[in-house]
Amino acid sequence: MAAYDAICFDLDRTLCEPTQDPAALLETTFDRAGCDPFCSPADLRAAIPALPTAETDREFYENLFAEVTQRSETTIDAAQVPTLADAYLECTDPTAVEFRPGAAAALEYARERAQVALITNGGRKTQTQKLQTLDIADAFDVRVFTEPSAGIYPKPDAAPFEYALGELEATPDRALHIGDSVHADIAGANAMGLDSALVATDGGTDVTDGNGHRPTYELESLEAFESII
């Protein structure tokens, strides 16, 4: 087992997952927007790697629905995109989250053995509400949110990893990053020279993004976290 000076965690779909049903949330969004359904929650997730950097949650979801609209075989009026973004945000409750299996124990185990960082592709306000719901707002030695105005761009950009390691005074060769996305978490960590662990999502573990990025470790859930530390 490897020993690390710094252990970094992603938040969404790594440490926590929403308790709102994704399909029901999207159905309500379409109803409120007065739009016929044209995509699934899986379509939304698949479009995320193609999105430009957003300054706000509102801009992120407008970019997301614009991308999915372009990919859809159904003719959708682009003018509906802002309405869809607003409806989705109105229906989404950031506090409706719960720990993923093994996440709470993994975080505590990591804290007993190393400095711990949060590196999340989400804004400070929204992500802090999730941390408060889980009662882990103060569980990290450093928390890194997406803040383009401050030069902190989303993973796989190097900036969030550089900031976290700098605050912890840790070197990449003694650090581990854990996340659920090959594109954001694994590719970003690998490019910085960190070891990486990929946590399987509901769809299983997809260990490649077509660009050769592979994790150091593959975990079916964070219940297996102790096996790599």
C-alpha atoms as a PDB file:
ATOM      1  CA  MET A   1       0.000   0.000   0.000  1.00  0.00           C
ATOM      2  CA  ALA A   2       1.192   3.502  -0.847  1.00  0.00           C
ATOM      3  CA  ALA A   3       1.671   6.318   1.664  1.00  0.00           C
ATOM      4  CA  TYR A   4       0.761   9.876   0.671  1.00  0.00           C
ATOM      5  CA  ASP A   5       1.321  13.317   2.147  1.00  0.00           C
ATOM      6  CA  ALA A   6      -1.795  14.696   0.445  1.00  0.00           C
ATOM      7  CA  ILE A   7      -5.067  13.017  -0.533  1.00  0.00           C
ATOM      8  CA  CYS A   8      -7.457  14.976  -2.738  1.00  0.00           C
ATOM      9  CA  PHE A   9     -11.136  14.188  -3.225  1.00  0.00           C
ATOM     10  CA  ASP A  10     -13.626  15.190  -5.884  1.00  0.00           C
ATOM     11  CA  LEU A  11     -17.115  15.892  -4.491  1.00  0.00           C
ATOM     12  CA  ASP A  12     -19.991  15.125  -6.882  1.00  0.00           C
ATOM     13  CA  ARG A  13     -20.484  11.411  -7.614  1.00  0.00           C
ATOM     14  CA  THR A  14     -17.302  10.689  -5.615  1.00  0.00           C
ATOM     15  CA  LEU A  15     -17.983  11.661  -2.009  1.00  0.00           C
ATOM     16  CA  CYS A  16     -21.662  12.389  -2.509  1.00  0.00           C
ATOM     17  CA  GLU A  17     -24.583  11.843  -4.844  1.00  0.00           C
ATOM     18  CA  PRO A  18     -27.923  13.630  -5.229  1.00  0.00           C
ATOM     19  CA  THR A  19     -31.030  12.228  -3.612  1.00  0.00           C
ATOM     20  CA  GLN A  20     -33.227  13.858  -6.257  1.00  0.00           C
ATOM     21  CA  ASP A  21     -34.091  11.406  -9.023  1.00  0.00           C
ATOM     22  CA  PRO A  22     -32.259  12.641 -12.168  1.00  0.00           C
ATOM     23  CA  ALA A  23     -34.985  11.495 -14.547  1.00  0.00           C
ATOM     24  CA  ALA A  24     -37.742  13.105 -12.477  1.00  0.00           C
ATOM     25  CA  LEU A  25     -35.718  16.307 -12.166  1.00  0.00           C
ATOM     26  CA  LEU A  26     -35.287  16.508 -15.923  1.00  0.00           C
ATOM     27  CA  GLU A  27     -38.963  15.706 -16.540  1.00  0.00           C
ATOM     28  CA  THR A  28     -39.997  18.551 -14.228  1.00  0.00           C
ATOM     29  CA  THR A  29     -37.553  20.845 -16.001  1.00  0.00           C
ATOM     30  CA  PHE A  30     -39.138  20.117 -19.374  1.00  0.00           C
ATOM     31  CA  ASP A  31     -42.620  20.640 -17.921  1.00  0.00           C
ATOM     32  CA  ARG A  32     -41.710  24.018 -16.431  1.00  0.00           C
ATOM     33  CA  ALA A  33     -39.994  25.117 -19.631  1.00  0.00           C
ATOM     34  CA  GLY A  34     -42.956  24.008 -21.739  1.00  0.00           C
ATOM     35  CA  CYS A  35     -40.644  21.866 -23.834  1.00  0.00           C
ATOM     36  CA  ASP A  36     -40.998  18.332 -25.160  1.00  0.00           C
ATOM     37  CA  PRO A  37     -38.395  15.973 -23.627  1.00  0.00           C
ATOM     38  CA  PHE A  38     -35.436  15.504 -25.967  1.00  0.00           C
ATOM     39  CA  CYS A  39     -32.616  14.159 -23.799  1.00  0.00           C
ATOM     40  CA  SER A  40     -31.874  11.956 -20.795  1.00  0.00           C
ATOM     41  CA  PRO A  41     -29.719  12.456 -17.675  1.00  0.00           C
ATOM     42  CA  ALA A  42     -27.079  10.303 -19.410  1.00  0.00           C
ATOM     43  CA  ASP A  43     -27.094  12.710 -22.360  1.00  0.00           C
ATOM     44  CA  LEU A  44     -26.433  15.608 -19.998  1.00  0.00           C
ATOM     45  CA  ARG A  45     -23.490  13.825 -18.353  1.00  0.00           C
ATOM     46  CA  ALA A  46     -22.016  12.859 -21.724  1.00  0.00           C
ATOM     47  CA  ALA A  47     -22.032  16.476 -22.900  1.00  0.00           C
ATOM     48  CA  ILE A  48     -20.117  17.917 -19.932  1.00  0.00           C
ATOM     49  CA  PRO A  49     -16.565  17.306 -21.251  1.00  0.00           C
ATOM     50  CA  ALA A  50     -17.362  19.374 -24.366  1.00  0.00           C
ATOM     51  CA  LEU A  51     -18.512  22.481 -22.475  1.00  0.00           C
ATOM     52  CA  PRO A  52     -16.623  25.768 -22.310  1.00  0.00           C
ATOM     53  CA  THR A  53     -15.652  27.133 -18.905  1.00  0.00           C
ATOM     54  CA  ALA A  54     -18.555  28.846 -17.156  1.00  0.00           C
ATOM     55  CA  GLU A  55     -18.357  31.627 -14.583  1.00  0.00           C
ATOM     56  CA  THR A  56     -21.656  30.721 -12.874  1.00  0.00           C
ATOM     57  CA  ASP A  57     -24.011  27.759 -12.380  1.00  0.00           C
ATOM     58  CA  ARG A  58     -26.529  29.539 -14.629  1.00  0.00           C
ATOM     59  CA  GLU A  59     -23.980  29.836 -17.437  1.00  0.00           C
ATOM     60  CA  PHE A  60     -22.936  26.206 -16.985  1.00  0.00           C
ATOM     61  CA  TYR A  61     -26.470  24.889 -17.454  1.00  0.00           C
ATOM     62  CA  GLU A  62     -27.145  27.172 -20.380  1.00  0.00           C
ATOM     63  CA  ASN A  63     -23.982  25.823 -22.037  1.00  0.00           C
ATOM     64  CA  LEU A  64     -25.042  22.283 -21.139  1.00  0.00           C
ATOM     65  CA  PHE A  65     -28.521  22.503 -22.644  1.00  0.00           C
ATOM     66  CA  ALA A  66     -27.137  24.297 -25.698  1.00  0.00           C
ATOM     67  CA  GLU A  67     -24.679  21.441 -26.272  1.00  0.00           C
ATOM     68  CA  VAL A  68     -27.299  18.732 -25.791  1.00  0.00           C
ATOM     69  CA  THR A  69     -29.682  20.617 -28.084  1.00  0.00           C
ATOM     70  CA  GLN A  70     -27.064  20.613 -30.825  1.00  0.00           C
ATOM     71  CA  ARG A  71     -26.515  16.880 -30.367  1.00  0.00           C
ATOM     72  CA  SER A  72     -30.215  16.018 -30.380  1.00  0.00           C
ATOM     73  CA  GLU A  73     -31.849  14.537 -33.453  1.00  0.00           C
ATOM     74  CA  THR A  74     -35.007  16.445 -32.519  1.00  0.00           C
ATOM     75  CA  THR A  75     -35.471  19.992 -33.782  1.00  0.00           C
ATOM     76  CA  ILE A  76     -35.297  22.172 -30.682  1.00  0.00           C
ATOM     77  CA  ASP A  77     -35.603  25.948 -30.756  1.00  0.00           C
ATOM     78  CA  ALA A  78     -32.339  27.371 -29.429  1.00  0.00           C
ATOM     79  CA  ALA A  79     -34.357  30.157 -27.834  1.00  0.00           C
ATOM     80  CA  GLN A  80     -35.624  27.599 -25.293  1.00  0.00           C
ATOM     81  CA  VAL A  81     -32.138  26.965 -23.909  1.00  0.00           C
ATOM     82  CA  PRO A  82     -32.109  29.844 -21.368  1.00  0.00           C
ATOM     83  CA  THR A  83     -35.565  28.816 -20.153  1.00  0.00           C
ATOM     84  CA  LEU A  84     -34.404  25.216 -19.710  1.00  0.00           C
ATOM     85  CA  ALA A  85     -31.347  26.361 -17.752  1.00  0.00           C
ATOM     86  CA  ASP A  86     -33.474  28.502 -15.444  1.00  0.00           C
ATOM     87  CA  ALA A  87     -36.024  25.724 -14.932  1.00  0.00           C
ATOM     88  CA  TYR A  88     -33.336  23.144 -14.121  1.00  0.00           C
ATOM     89  CA  LEU A  89     -31.745  25.419 -11.525  1.00  0.00           C
ATOM     90  CA  GLU A  90     -35.133  26.207  -9.975  1.00  0.00           C
ATOM     91  CA  CYS A  91     -35.849  22.484  -9.612  1.00  0.00           C
ATOM     92  CA  THR A  92     -32.428  21.517  -8.269  1.00  0.00           C
ATOM     93  CA  ASP A  93     -31.850  21.430  -4.513  1.00  0.00           C
ATOM     94  CA  PRO A  94     -28.099  21.552  -3.738  1.00  0.00           C
ATOM     95  CA  THR A  95     -28.771  20.322  -0.199  1.00  0.00           C
ATOM     96  CA  ALA A  96     -30.432  17.113  -1.451  1.00  0.00           C
ATOM     97  CA  VAL A  97     -27.291  14.979  -1.263  1.00  0.00           C
ATOM     98  CA  GLU A  98     -26.034  11.963   0.640  1.00  0.00           C
ATOM     99  CA  PHE A  99     -22.705  10.191   1.030  1.00  0.00           C
ATOM    100  CA  ARG A 100     -21.824   7.577  -1.549  1.00  0.00           C
ATOM    101  CA  PRO A 101     -21.092   4.104  -0.111  1.00  0.00           C
ATOM    102  CA  GLY A 102     -17.945   4.166   1.997  1.00  0.00           C
ATOM    103  CA  ALA A 103     -17.316   7.892   1.438  1.00  0.00           C
ATOM    104  CA  ALA A 104     -17.635   9.127   5.010  1.00  0.00           C
ATOM    105  CA  ALA A 105     -15.340   6.391   6.327  1.00  0.00           C
ATOM    106  CA  ALA A 106     -12.835   6.943   3.488  1.00  0.00           C
ATOM    107  CA  LEU A 107     -12.629  10.652   4.231  1.00  0.00           C
ATOM    108  CA  GLU A 108     -12.058  10.010   7.934  1.00  0.00           C
ATOM    109  CA  TYR A 109      -9.455   7.341   7.137  1.00  0.00           C
ATOM    110  CA  ALA A 110      -7.634   9.776   4.835  1.00  0.00           C
ATOM    111  CA  ARG A 111      -7.675  12.551   7.440  1.00  0.00           C
ATOM    112  CA  GLU A 112      -5.962  10.262   9.944  1.00  0.00           C
ATOM    113  CA  ARG A 113      -3.078   9.605   7.543  1.00  0.00           C
ATOM    114  CA  ALA A 114      -2.465  12.697   5.420  1.00  0.00           C
ATOM    115  CA  GLN A 115      -3.487  16.233   4.647  1.00  0.00           C
ATOM    116  CA  VAL A 116      -6.774  16.264   2.787  1.00  0.00           C
ATOM    117  CA  ALA A 117      -8.035  18.512  -0.007  1.00  0.00           C
ATOM    118  CA  LEU A 118     -11.308  18.964  -1.826  1.00  0.00           C
ATOM    119  CA  ILE A 119     -10.991  19.710  -5.552  1.00  0.00           C
ATOM    120  CA  THR A 120     -14.407  20.154  -7.135  1.00  0.00           C
ATOM    121  CA  ASN A 121     -15.657  21.372 -10.511  1.00  0.00           C
ATOM    122  CA  GLY A 122     -18.367  23.433  -8.921  1.00  0.00           C
ATOM    123  CA  GLY A 123     -18.888  26.929  -7.587  1.00  0.00           C
ATOM    124  CA  ARG A 124     -18.240  27.836  -3.965  1.00  0.00           C
ATOM    125  CA  LYS A 125     -21.844  28.700  -3.035  1.00  0.00           C
ATOM    126  CA  THR A 126     -23.485  25.552  -4.422  1.00  0.00           C
ATOM    127  CA  GLN A 127     -20.783  23.133  -3.306  1.00  0.00           C
ATOM    128  CA  THR A 128     -20.575  24.599   0.178  1.00  0.00           C
ATOM    129  CA  GLN A 129     -24.285  23.866   0.672  1.00  0.00           C
ATOM    130  CA  LYS A 130     -23.575  20.211  -0.116  1.00  0.00           C
ATOM    131  CA  LEU A 131     -20.640  20.123   2.300  1.00  0.00           C
ATOM    132  CA  GLN A 132     -22.768  21.631   5.052  1.00  0.00           C
ATOM    133  CA  THR A 133     -25.532  19.085   4.472  1.00  0.00           C
ATOM    134  CA  LEU A 134     -22.982  16.282   4.809  1.00  0.00           C
ATOM    135  CA  ASP A 135     -21.389  18.018   7.834  1.00  0.00           C
ATOM    136  CA  ILE A 136     -17.928  18.001   6.232  1.00  0.00           C
ATOM    137  CA  ALA A 137     -17.471  21.707   5.500  1.00  0.00           C
ATOM    138  CA  ASP A 138     -14.511  21.766   7.897  1.00  0.00           C
ATOM    139  CA  ALA A 139     -13.160  18.304   7.055  1.00  0.00           C
ATOM    140  CA  PHE A 140     -10.541  19.509   4.544  1.00  0.00           C
ATOM    141  CA  ASP A 141      -7.223  21.269   4.984  1.00  0.00           C
ATOM    142  CA  VAL A 142      -7.939  23.131   1.742  1.00  0.00           C
ATOM    143  CA  ARG A 143     -11.031  23.411  -0.455  1.00  0.00           C
ATOM    144  CA  VAL A 144     -10.687  24.311  -4.144  1.00  0.00           C
ATOM    145  CA  PHE A 145     -13.762  25.420  -6.078  1.00  0.00           C
ATOM    146  CA  THR A 146     -14.060  26.450  -9.716  1.00  0.00           C
ATOM    147  CA  GLU A 147     -13.439  30.208  -9.826  1.00  0.00           C
ATOM    148  CA  PRO A 148     -12.375  31.326 -13.327  1.00  0.00           C
ATOM    149  CA  SER A 149     -12.240  34.972 -12.215  1.00  0.00           C
ATOM    150  CA  ALA A 150      -9.489  33.946  -9.769  1.00  0.00           C
ATOM    151  CA  GLY A 151      -7.681  31.773 -12.328  1.00  0.00           C
ATOM    152  CA  ILE A 152      -9.044  28.480 -10.980  1.00  0.00           C
ATOM    153  CA  TYR A 153     -10.478  26.689 -14.007  1.00  0.00           C
ATOM    154  CA  PRO A 154     -12.263  23.315 -13.917  1.00  0.00           C
ATOM    155  CA  LYS A 155     -10.413  20.025 -13.915  1.00  0.00           C
ATOM    156  CA  PRO A 156      -8.628  18.730 -15.961  1.00  0.00           C
ATOM    157  CA  ASP A 157      -6.958  22.168 -15.917  1.00  0.00           C
ATOM    158  CA  ALA A 158      -3.803  22.176 -13.818  1.00  0.00           C
ATOM    159  CA  ALA A 159      -4.790  25.216 -11.745  1.00  0.00           C
ATOM    160  CA  PRO A 160      -6.961  23.513  -9.084  1.00  0.00           C
ATOM    161  CA  PHE A 161      -4.371  20.792  -8.508  1.00  0.00           C
ATOM    162  CA  GLU A 162      -1.531  23.324  -8.346  1.00  0.00           C
ATOM    163  CA  TYR A 163      -3.439  25.469  -5.881  1.00  0.00           C
ATOM    164  CA  ALA A 164      -4.301  22.553  -3.594  1.00  0.00           C
ATOM    165  CA  LEU A 165      -0.751  21.182  -3.535  1.00  0.00           C
ATOM    166  CA  GLY A 166       0.668  24.651  -3.000  1.00  0.00           C
ATOM    167  CA  GLU A 167      -1.570  25.271   0.002  1.00  0.00           C
ATOM    168  CA  LEU A 168      -0.660  21.868   1.437  1.00  0.00           C
ATOM    169  CA  GLU A 169       3.047  22.281   0.598  1.00  0.00           C
ATOM    170  CA  ALA A 170       2.907  18.831  -0.994  1.00  0.00           C
ATOM    171  CA  THR A 171       4.591  17.487  -4.120  1.00  0.00           C
ATOM    172  CA  PRO A 172       2.727  15.649  -6.898  1.00  0.00           C
ATOM    173  CA  ASP A 173       4.724  12.458  -6.421  1.00  0.00           C
ATOM    174  CA  ARG A 174       3.424  12.233  -2.840  1.00  0.00           C
ATOM    175  CA  ALA A 175      -0.202  13.008  -3.627  1.00  0.00           C
ATOM    176  CA  LEU A 176      -3.297  11.066  -4.681  1.00  0.00           C
ATOM    177  CA  HIS A 177      -6.477  12.372  -6.317  1.00  0.00           C
ATOM    178  CA  ILE A 178      -9.762  10.437  -6.171  1.00  0.00           C
ATOM    179  CA  GLY A 179     -12.675  11.092  -8.519  1.00  0.00           C
ATOM    180  CA  ASP A 180     -15.345   9.608 -10.765  1.00  0.00           C
ATOM    181  CA  SER A 181     -14.429  11.211 -14.124  1.00  0.00           C
ATOM    182  CA  VAL A 182     -11.654   9.980 -16.395  1.00  0.00           C
ATOM    183  CA  HIS A 183     -11.822  13.259 -18.336  1.00  0.00           C
ATOM    184  CA  ALA A 184     -11.724  15.644 -15.380  1.00  0.00           C
ATOM    185  CA  ASP A 185     -10.183  13.774 -12.459  1.00  0.00           C
ATOM    186  CA  ILE A 186      -7.887  11.142 -13.912  1.00  0.00           C
ATOM    187  CA  ALA A 187      -6.574  13.132 -16.877  1.00  0.00           C
ATOM    188  CA  GLY A 188      -6.034  16.185 -14.686  1.00  0.00           C
ATOM    189  CA  ALA A 189      -4.224  14.277 -11.953  1.00  0.00           C
ATOM    190  CA  ASN A 190      -2.108  12.293 -14.411  1.00  0.00           C
ATOM    191  CA  ALA A 191      -0.989  15.463 -16.193  1.00  0.00           C
ATOM    192  CA  MET A 192       0.193  16.879 -12.865  1.00  0.00           C
ATOM    193  CA  GLY A 193       2.045  13.702 -11.877  1.00  0.00           C
ATOM    194  CA  LEU A 194      -0.342  12.660  -9.099  1.00  0.00           C
ATOM    195  CA  ASP A 195      -1.458   9.107  -8.560  1.00  0.00           C
ATOM    196  CA  SER A 196      -5.171   8.764  -9.274  1.00  0.00           C
ATOM    197  CA  ALA A 197      -8.072   6.566  -8.194  1.00  0.00           C
ATOM    198  CA  LEU A 198     -11.249   6.198 -10.246  1.00  0.00           C
ATOM    199  CA  VAL A 199     -14.450   5.453  -8.324  1.00  0.00           C
ATOM    200  CA  ALA A 200     -17.117   3.595 -10.284  1.00  0.00           C
ATOM    201  CA  THR A 201     -20.438   5.344 -10.833  1.00  0.00           C
ATOM    202  CA  ASP A 202     -23.863   3.769 -11.422  1.00  0.00           C
ATOM    203  CA  GLY A 203     -22.777   2.981 -14.957  1.00  0.00           C
ATOM    204  CA  GLY A 204     -19.741   1.032 -13.785  1.00  0.00           C
ATOM    205  CA  THR A 205     -16.081   1.914 -14.171  1.00  0.00           C
ATOM    206  CA  ASP A 206     -15.079   3.366 -17.540  1.00  0.00           C
ATOM    207  CA  VAL A 207     -11.303   3.532 -17.280  1.00  0.00           C
ATOM    208  CA  THR A 208     -10.538   5.212 -20.597  1.00  0.00           C
ATOM    209  CA  ASP A 209     -11.590   8.441 -22.288  1.00  0.00           C
ATOM    210  CA  GLY A 210     -10.097   7.614 -25.667  1.00  0.00           C
ATOM    211  CA  ASN A 211      -6.990   9.698 -24.974  1.00  0.00           C
ATOM    212  CA  GLY A 212      -4.954   7.140 -23.092  1.00  0.00           C
ATOM    213  CA  HIS A 213      -5.713   8.426 -19.594  1.00  0.00           C
ATOM    214  CA  ARG A 214      -5.920   5.617 -17.067  1.00  0.00           C
ATOM    215  CA  PRO A 215      -6.113   5.671 -13.267  1.00  0.00           C
ATOM    216  CA  THR A 216      -3.483   4.293 -10.938  1.00  0.00           C
ATOM    217  CA  TYR A 217      -6.255   2.505  -9.049  1.00  0.00           C
ATOM    218  CA  GLU A 218      -9.818   1.425  -9.872  1.00  0.00           C
ATOM    219  CA  LEU A 219     -12.360   1.236  -7.047  1.00  0.00           C
ATOM    220  CA  GLU A 220     -15.844  -0.233  -7.239  1.00  0.00           C
ATOM    221  CA  SER A 221     -16.693   2.119  -4.379  1.00  0.00           C
ATOM    222  CA  LEU A 222     -14.939   4.054  -1.631  1.00  0.00           C
ATOM    223  CA  GLU A 223     -15.580   1.083   0.627  1.00  0.00           C
ATOM    224  CA  ALA A 224     -12.364  -0.276  -0.934  1.00  0.00           C
ATOM    225  CA  PHE A 225     -10.393   2.901  -0.231  1.00  0.00           C
ATOM    226  CA  GLU A 226      -8.303   1.442   2.597  1.00  0.00           C
ATOM    227  CA  SER A 227      -6.846  -1.135   0.182  1.00  0.00           C
ATOM    228  CA  ILE A 228      -4.849   1.553  -1.668  1.00  0.00           C
ATOM    229  CA  ILE A 229      -3.620   3.642   1.279  1.00  0.00           C
END
